[in-house]
N, C-alpha and C. Protein backbone atom coordinates (compact mmCIF):
# COMPACT_ATOMS: atom_id res chain seq x y z
N MET A 1 126.38 54.31 135.69
CA MET A 1 126.36 55.48 136.54
C MET A 1 124.91 55.83 136.86
N ASN A 2 124.68 56.09 138.11
CA ASN A 2 123.36 56.53 138.55
C ASN A 2 123.40 58.02 138.81
N VAL A 3 122.35 58.70 138.41
CA VAL A 3 122.27 60.14 138.59
C VAL A 3 120.99 60.46 139.36
N VAL A 4 121.11 61.31 140.36
CA VAL A 4 119.96 61.76 141.11
C VAL A 4 119.66 63.19 140.69
N LEU A 5 118.44 63.42 140.22
CA LEU A 5 118.03 64.75 139.77
C LEU A 5 117.14 65.41 140.79
N ASN A 6 117.22 66.73 140.86
CA ASN A 6 116.28 67.43 141.72
C ASN A 6 114.91 67.43 141.03
N PRO A 7 113.85 67.71 141.75
CA PRO A 7 112.50 67.63 141.16
C PRO A 7 112.31 68.47 139.91
N ALA A 8 112.89 69.65 139.87
CA ALA A 8 112.73 70.51 138.69
C ALA A 8 113.38 69.88 137.46
N SER A 9 114.58 69.34 137.63
CA SER A 9 115.27 68.69 136.51
C SER A 9 114.53 67.42 136.09
N GLU A 10 114.02 66.71 137.07
CA GLU A 10 113.26 65.50 136.77
C GLU A 10 112.02 65.82 135.93
N ARG A 11 111.35 66.93 136.24
CA ARG A 11 110.18 67.35 135.46
C ARG A 11 110.57 67.66 134.02
N ILE A 12 111.72 68.30 133.85
CA ILE A 12 112.17 68.61 132.49
C ILE A 12 112.41 67.33 131.70
N VAL A 13 113.08 66.36 132.31
CA VAL A 13 113.33 65.09 131.63
C VAL A 13 112.00 64.42 131.29
N THR A 14 111.07 64.41 132.22
CA THR A 14 109.76 63.80 131.98
C THR A 14 109.03 64.49 130.83
N GLU A 15 109.08 65.83 130.79
CA GLU A 15 108.44 66.57 129.70
C GLU A 15 109.07 66.22 128.36
N LYS A 16 110.39 66.10 128.33
CA LYS A 16 111.07 65.76 127.08
C LYS A 16 110.69 64.36 126.62
N LEU A 17 110.54 63.43 127.56
CA LEU A 17 110.13 62.08 127.19
C LEU A 17 108.69 62.07 126.67
N ARG A 18 107.83 62.85 127.27
CA ARG A 18 106.43 62.95 126.80
C ARG A 18 106.34 63.55 125.39
N SER A 19 107.30 64.39 125.04
CA SER A 19 107.28 65.03 123.72
C SER A 19 107.61 64.03 122.61
N ALA A 20 108.07 62.86 122.98
CA ALA A 20 108.45 61.80 122.05
C ALA A 20 109.69 62.15 121.23
N LEU A 21 110.42 63.17 121.64
CA LEU A 21 111.67 63.50 120.95
C LEU A 21 112.82 62.62 121.45
N TYR A 22 112.62 62.03 122.63
CA TYR A 22 113.64 61.18 123.23
C TYR A 22 113.00 59.87 123.63
N GLU A 23 113.78 58.79 123.51
CA GLU A 23 113.26 57.47 123.85
C GLU A 23 113.46 57.11 125.32
N ASP A 24 114.52 57.65 125.94
CA ASP A 24 114.78 57.33 127.34
C ASP A 24 115.51 58.49 128.01
N PRO A 25 115.53 58.48 129.34
CA PRO A 25 116.17 59.57 130.07
C PRO A 25 117.64 59.77 129.70
N GLY A 26 118.32 58.69 129.37
CA GLY A 26 119.73 58.78 128.99
C GLY A 26 119.93 59.67 127.77
N GLU A 27 119.02 59.58 126.81
CA GLU A 27 119.12 60.44 125.62
C GLU A 27 118.96 61.91 125.98
N VAL A 28 118.04 62.19 126.89
CA VAL A 28 117.84 63.58 127.33
C VAL A 28 119.11 64.11 127.97
N ILE A 29 119.69 63.31 128.85
CA ILE A 29 120.92 63.72 129.55
C ILE A 29 122.07 63.87 128.55
N GLU A 30 122.20 62.93 127.62
CA GLU A 30 123.27 63.03 126.62
C GLU A 30 123.12 64.30 125.78
N ASP A 31 121.90 64.64 125.39
CA ASP A 31 121.68 65.84 124.60
C ASP A 31 122.01 67.08 125.42
N ALA A 32 121.61 67.08 126.69
CA ALA A 32 121.93 68.21 127.57
C ALA A 32 123.44 68.36 127.73
N LEU A 33 124.14 67.25 127.88
CA LEU A 33 125.59 67.31 128.03
C LEU A 33 126.26 67.77 126.73
N ARG A 34 125.71 67.37 125.60
CA ARG A 34 126.24 67.82 124.31
C ARG A 34 126.10 69.34 124.20
N LEU A 35 124.94 69.85 124.57
CA LEU A 35 124.72 71.29 124.54
C LEU A 35 125.62 72.03 125.53
N LEU A 36 125.82 71.44 126.70
CA LEU A 36 126.72 72.03 127.69
C LEU A 36 128.14 72.10 127.16
N LYS A 37 128.59 71.03 126.52
CA LYS A 37 129.93 71.01 125.93
C LYS A 37 130.05 72.05 124.83
N GLN A 38 129.02 72.16 124.00
CA GLN A 38 129.01 73.15 122.92
C GLN A 38 129.08 74.56 123.49
N ARG A 39 128.31 74.83 124.53
CA ARG A 39 128.34 76.15 125.17
C ARG A 39 129.70 76.46 125.75
N ASP A 40 130.30 75.46 126.41
CA ASP A 40 131.63 75.66 126.99
C ASP A 40 132.67 75.94 125.91
N GLU A 41 132.57 75.23 124.78
CA GLU A 41 133.51 75.45 123.68
C GLU A 41 133.34 76.86 123.10
N GLN A 42 132.09 77.33 123.02
CA GLN A 42 131.84 78.68 122.51
C GLN A 42 132.42 79.73 123.46
N LYS A 43 132.25 79.51 124.77
CA LYS A 43 132.82 80.43 125.76
C LYS A 43 134.33 80.45 125.67
N LEU A 44 134.93 79.27 125.51
CA LEU A 44 136.38 79.18 125.42
C LEU A 44 136.88 79.89 124.16
N GLU A 45 136.19 79.72 123.06
CA GLU A 45 136.57 80.39 121.82
C GLU A 45 136.46 81.91 121.96
N ALA A 46 135.40 82.37 122.60
CA ALA A 46 135.24 83.81 122.84
C ALA A 46 136.37 84.34 123.72
N LEU A 47 136.74 83.57 124.73
CA LEU A 47 137.84 83.97 125.61
C LEU A 47 139.15 84.04 124.84
N ARG A 48 139.38 83.06 123.96
CA ARG A 48 140.59 83.07 123.14
C ARG A 48 140.64 84.32 122.26
N LYS A 49 139.50 84.66 121.67
CA LYS A 49 139.44 85.86 120.82
C LYS A 49 139.71 87.11 121.65
N ASP A 50 139.14 87.19 122.84
CA ASP A 50 139.37 88.33 123.71
C ASP A 50 140.86 88.44 124.10
N LEU A 51 141.47 87.30 124.39
CA LEU A 51 142.89 87.31 124.74
C LEU A 51 143.75 87.73 123.55
N GLN A 52 143.38 87.27 122.37
CA GLN A 52 144.12 87.65 121.17
C GLN A 52 144.00 89.16 120.93
N HIS A 53 142.79 89.67 121.11
CA HIS A 53 142.55 91.11 120.94
C HIS A 53 143.36 91.90 121.97
N ALA A 54 143.38 91.43 123.20
CA ALA A 54 144.15 92.11 124.25
C ALA A 54 145.64 92.09 123.92
N ALA A 55 146.14 90.97 123.42
CA ALA A 55 147.56 90.88 123.05
C ALA A 55 147.88 91.87 121.93
N GLU A 56 146.97 91.97 120.96
CA GLU A 56 147.17 92.92 119.86
C GLU A 56 147.17 94.36 120.38
N GLN A 57 146.29 94.65 121.33
CA GLN A 57 146.25 96.00 121.91
C GLN A 57 147.56 96.30 122.65
N LEU A 58 148.06 95.33 123.39
CA LEU A 58 149.33 95.54 124.09
C LEU A 58 150.46 95.80 123.11
N GLU A 59 150.51 95.00 122.05
CA GLU A 59 151.57 95.16 121.05
C GLU A 59 151.52 96.52 120.37
N SER A 60 150.31 97.04 120.18
CA SER A 60 150.18 98.33 119.48
C SER A 60 150.19 99.52 120.44
N GLY A 61 150.36 99.25 121.74
CA GLY A 61 150.44 100.34 122.71
C GLY A 61 149.10 100.90 123.14
N GLU A 62 148.03 100.16 122.90
CA GLU A 62 146.68 100.62 123.27
C GLU A 62 146.34 100.18 124.70
N PHE A 63 146.99 100.80 125.65
CA PHE A 63 146.69 100.49 127.05
C PHE A 63 147.07 101.68 127.91
N THR A 64 146.62 101.64 129.13
CA THR A 64 146.94 102.70 130.09
C THR A 64 147.60 102.05 131.30
N GLU A 65 148.69 102.62 131.72
CA GLU A 65 149.36 102.14 132.93
C GLU A 65 148.83 102.93 134.12
N TYR A 66 148.64 102.23 135.22
CA TYR A 66 148.15 102.85 136.44
C TYR A 66 149.13 102.61 137.57
N ASP A 67 149.26 103.62 138.42
CA ASP A 67 149.99 103.43 139.67
C ASP A 67 148.95 103.47 140.80
N GLU A 68 149.40 103.38 142.00
CA GLU A 68 148.48 103.32 143.13
C GLU A 68 147.56 104.54 143.19
N GLN A 69 148.09 105.72 142.94
CA GLN A 69 147.29 106.94 143.02
C GLN A 69 146.30 107.03 141.85
N SER A 70 146.77 106.73 140.65
CA SER A 70 145.86 106.86 139.50
C SER A 70 144.75 105.81 139.54
N ILE A 71 145.04 104.64 140.07
CA ILE A 71 143.98 103.63 140.19
C ILE A 71 142.96 104.06 141.24
N GLN A 72 143.43 104.71 142.32
CA GLN A 72 142.51 105.23 143.33
C GLN A 72 141.64 106.33 142.74
N ASN A 73 142.24 107.21 141.93
CA ASN A 73 141.46 108.26 141.26
C ASN A 73 140.39 107.66 140.35
N LEU A 74 140.78 106.64 139.59
CA LEU A 74 139.82 105.97 138.70
C LEU A 74 138.68 105.36 139.53
N PHE A 75 139.03 104.70 140.61
CA PHE A 75 138.02 104.10 141.48
C PHE A 75 137.07 105.17 142.02
N ASP A 76 137.62 106.29 142.45
CA ASP A 76 136.80 107.38 142.99
C ASP A 76 135.85 107.92 141.92
N GLU A 77 136.35 108.08 140.69
CA GLU A 77 135.51 108.58 139.59
C GLU A 77 134.37 107.62 139.27
N VAL A 78 134.69 106.34 139.20
CA VAL A 78 133.67 105.33 138.89
C VAL A 78 132.64 105.26 140.02
N SER A 79 133.11 105.32 141.25
CA SER A 79 132.19 105.30 142.39
C SER A 79 131.25 106.50 142.38
N ALA A 80 131.80 107.68 142.10
CA ALA A 80 130.98 108.90 142.06
C ALA A 80 129.95 108.81 140.94
N GLU A 81 130.37 108.31 139.79
CA GLU A 81 129.44 108.16 138.67
C GLU A 81 128.33 107.16 139.02
N GLY A 82 128.70 106.09 139.68
CA GLY A 82 127.71 105.09 140.10
C GLY A 82 126.70 105.67 141.07
N ARG A 83 127.18 106.44 142.03
CA ARG A 83 126.28 107.08 142.98
C ARG A 83 125.33 108.06 142.28
N GLN A 84 125.85 108.80 141.30
CA GLN A 84 125.00 109.73 140.55
C GLN A 84 123.92 108.99 139.77
N ARG A 85 124.31 107.88 139.16
CA ARG A 85 123.32 107.09 138.41
C ARG A 85 122.24 106.53 139.32
N LEU A 86 122.65 106.01 140.47
CA LEU A 86 121.67 105.48 141.42
C LEU A 86 120.72 106.57 141.89
N ALA A 87 121.25 107.75 142.17
CA ALA A 87 120.41 108.87 142.61
C ALA A 87 119.43 109.25 141.51
N ALA A 88 119.89 109.28 140.27
CA ALA A 88 119.02 109.63 139.15
C ALA A 88 117.92 108.58 138.98
N GLU A 89 118.27 107.31 139.13
CA GLU A 89 117.27 106.25 139.01
C GLU A 89 116.23 106.37 140.12
N ARG A 90 116.68 106.68 141.33
CA ARG A 90 115.73 106.87 142.44
C ARG A 90 114.80 108.03 142.16
N ASP A 91 115.35 109.13 141.64
CA ASP A 91 114.53 110.31 141.31
C ASP A 91 113.52 109.98 140.22
N ASP A 92 113.94 109.20 139.22
CA ASP A 92 113.05 108.82 138.14
C ASP A 92 111.92 107.90 138.61
N ALA A 93 112.23 107.09 139.64
CA ALA A 93 111.25 106.14 140.16
C ALA A 93 110.17 106.84 140.98
N ARG A 94 110.43 108.06 141.40
CA ARG A 94 109.48 108.77 142.26
C ARG A 94 108.43 109.43 141.46
């Protein structure tokens, strides 16, 4: 398999080879892919935990049901709070 790297990625590979931690570009790519796989597995595990927590909350009745009107009210409240925060930040910046 041939891989074409953009100049920034190519510089990273070259730097890693100069550090003498890797013998060839393939090792650099393999290590990067190993780290990518590890990161993806960690994200997936965190998602599983979040889903388990959400399921437990549903089972114990820890949720709020919304209808069209109540969701609009929530949206309006969040929007108003956001506008207030932005205004406060602008005032602080002056």
